[in-house]
Each structure stands twice: as structure tokens, then as C-alpha cells.
């Protein structure tokens, strides 16, 4: 395995960790605020899980004190830096878009709840 592949794998693992963490945070918010508005983020969040081939709603025992939108923005920046083959470019672009869309959805739903 080359150095580029290793860095790409490390970045992907970090992105998976960030998305898993953001998912767990949102799940906690959903449970605490059962008015259903967080369901509006479900499609974009599910899209992330699908692109990363991870299961949604998995148990997460790490730190849940972060802002999930910020985590997803940081993950998108990391994805932008991953070098991929031309065959995987559409996946990388779709993943970056999904991360940014999910972060925007989270901010939108949060802002609607603060009104």
C-alpha cells in the first residue's frame, strides 16, 4: 500500500468517526426533543451513512459534546483533501456534498427550534 492510499484510508476512517459521532449527537437531540422536526435531517444523514457504508443508529461511546454541524463541516473539508482515482471522484464529490447538506439541514432545524 502506498503512502497516498494510507493517508486516504486514515482520512476516510476519520470521516467515518466524525459522521458516527455526529449521528449519535443528533440521535440524542431527537430523543430529547420528540417534536419530530429532526426527522427533516434524516434523508441527508442517511445519505452520508450510505456513501460511507456505515450503519445508522449504531452505539457510540465517545464524546457527545460537540456541535454535529461543525463535525460534518470539518469532515467535508477533510474529504476535499482526499486524493482519489478518477473512478472514485464522483463518490468523493457526492460525499462532500452530502456532508455539507447534512450540516446545513442540522443548522436549519436547530434555527427553526430557536424561533
Protein backbone atom coordinates (compact mmCIF):
# COMPACT_ATOMS: atom_id res chain seq x y z
CA UNK A 1 0.00 0.00 0.00
CA UNK A 2 1.39 3.37 -0.98
CA UNK A 3 1.64 6.45 1.21
CA UNK A 4 -1.23 8.16 -0.66
CA UNK A 5 -3.51 5.16 -0.08
CA UNK A 6 -2.59 5.06 3.59
CA UNK A 7 -3.36 8.76 4.04
CA UNK A 8 -6.63 8.31 2.15
CA UNK A 9 -7.58 5.36 4.37
CA UNK A 10 -6.72 7.35 7.50
CA UNK A 11 -8.80 10.28 6.28
CA UNK A 12 -11.72 8.00 5.47
CA UNK A 13 -11.58 6.44 8.96
CA UNK A 14 -11.54 9.92 10.48
CA UNK A 15 -14.54 10.96 8.37
CA UNK A 16 -16.42 7.80 9.41
CA UNK A 17 -15.65 8.57 13.06
CA UNK A 18 -16.86 12.17 12.69
CA UNK A 19 -20.07 11.13 10.95
CA UNK A 20 -20.74 8.39 13.51
CA UNK A 21 -20.19 10.90 16.31
CA UNK A 22 -22.46 13.49 14.68
CA UNK A 23 -25.13 10.81 14.20
CA UNK A 24 -25.01 9.86 17.87
CA UNK A 25 -25.31 13.52 18.91
CA UNK A 26 -28.34 14.07 16.65
CA UNK A 27 -29.95 10.87 17.90
CA UNK A 28 -29.64 12.19 21.45
CA UNK A 29 -31.17 15.51 20.43
CA UNK A 30 -34.00 13.69 18.64
CA UNK A 31 -34.77 11.68 21.76
CA UNK A 32 -34.77 14.79 23.95
CA UNK A 33 -36.92 16.82 21.56
CA UNK A 34 -39.60 14.41 20.34
CA UNK A 35 -41.49 17.03 18.31
CA UNK A 36 -40.37 15.31 15.09
CA UNK A 37 -38.61 18.25 13.46
CA UNK A 38 -35.23 16.48 13.50
CA UNK A 39 -36.69 13.92 11.12
CA UNK A 40 -36.16 16.58 8.44
CA UNK A 41 -32.44 15.81 8.67
CA UNK A 42 -32.90 12.07 8.21
CA UNK A 43 -32.50 11.90 4.43
CA UNK A 44 -29.22 13.78 4.28
CA UNK A 45 -27.86 11.88 7.26
CA UNK A 46 -28.87 8.54 5.78
CA UNK A 47 -27.21 9.52 2.50
CA UNK A 48 -23.95 10.01 4.43
CA UNK A 49 -24.21 6.60 6.02
CA UNK A 50 -24.89 5.04 2.64
CA UNK A 51 -21.93 6.74 0.94
CA UNK A 52 -19.61 5.72 3.78
CA UNK A 53 -21.13 2.24 4.01
CA UNK A 54 -21.82 2.56 7.72
CA UNK A 55 -24.90 1.58 9.65
CA UNK A 56 -27.02 4.39 11.03
CA UNK A 57 -28.05 4.27 14.68
CA UNK A 58 -25.01 2.39 15.91
CA UNK A 59 -23.95 2.72 19.51
CA UNK A 60 -21.33 5.37 20.11
CA UNK A 61 -19.48 5.61 23.42
CA UNK A 62 -17.28 8.62 22.66
CA UNK A 63 -17.62 12.32 23.41
CA UNK A 64 -21.06 13.68 22.53
CA UNK A 65 -20.35 17.29 23.48
CA UNK A 66 -19.56 18.62 20.01
CA UNK A 67 -21.68 20.51 17.50
CA UNK A 68 -22.73 17.94 14.89
CA UNK A 69 -22.89 20.53 12.10
CA UNK A 70 -19.32 21.60 12.81
CA UNK A 71 -18.19 17.96 12.82
CA UNK A 72 -19.77 17.44 9.41
CA UNK A 73 -18.24 20.65 8.03
CA UNK A 74 -14.81 19.54 9.23
CA UNK A 75 -15.36 16.11 7.69
CA UNK A 76 -16.27 17.77 4.36
CA UNK A 77 -13.03 19.74 4.43
CA UNK A 78 -11.13 16.52 5.06
CA UNK A 79 -12.92 14.74 2.21
CA UNK A 80 -11.97 17.59 -0.14
CA UNK A 81 -8.32 16.76 0.57
CA UNK A 82 -8.54 13.02 -0.11
CA UNK A 83 -6.79 12.07 -3.33
CA UNK A 84 -8.84 9.54 -5.27
CA UNK A 85 -8.68 7.91 -8.66
CA UNK A 86 -10.77 9.36 -11.45
CA UNK A 87 -13.17 6.43 -10.97
CA UNK A 88 -13.79 7.48 -7.35
CA UNK A 89 -14.04 11.20 -7.97
CA UNK A 90 -17.84 11.19 -8.20
CA UNK A 91 -18.01 9.36 -4.85
CA UNK A 92 -15.75 11.95 -3.21
CA UNK A 93 -17.78 14.83 -4.64
CA UNK A 94 -21.05 13.21 -3.59
CA UNK A 95 -19.72 12.60 -0.08
CA UNK A 96 -18.52 16.19 0.33
CA UNK A 97 -21.90 17.43 -0.89
CA UNK A 98 -23.76 15.08 1.45
CA UNK A 99 -21.68 16.25 4.42
CA UNK A 100 -22.36 19.91 3.67
CA UNK A 101 -26.05 19.27 3.03
CA UNK A 102 -26.45 17.39 6.31
CA UNK A 103 -24.67 20.19 8.20
CA UNK A 104 -26.96 22.77 6.58
CA UNK A 105 -30.05 20.69 7.41
CA UNK A 106 -28.95 20.43 11.05
CA UNK A 107 -28.44 24.19 11.28
CA UNK A 108 -31.81 24.85 9.63
CA UNK A 109 -33.69 22.57 12.01
CA UNK A 110 -31.83 23.96 15.02
CA UNK A 111 -32.64 27.54 13.98
CA UNK A 112 -36.31 26.67 13.47
CA UNK A 113 -36.45 25.31 17.00
CA UNK A 114 -34.96 28.51 18.41
CA UNK A 115 -37.67 30.72 16.91
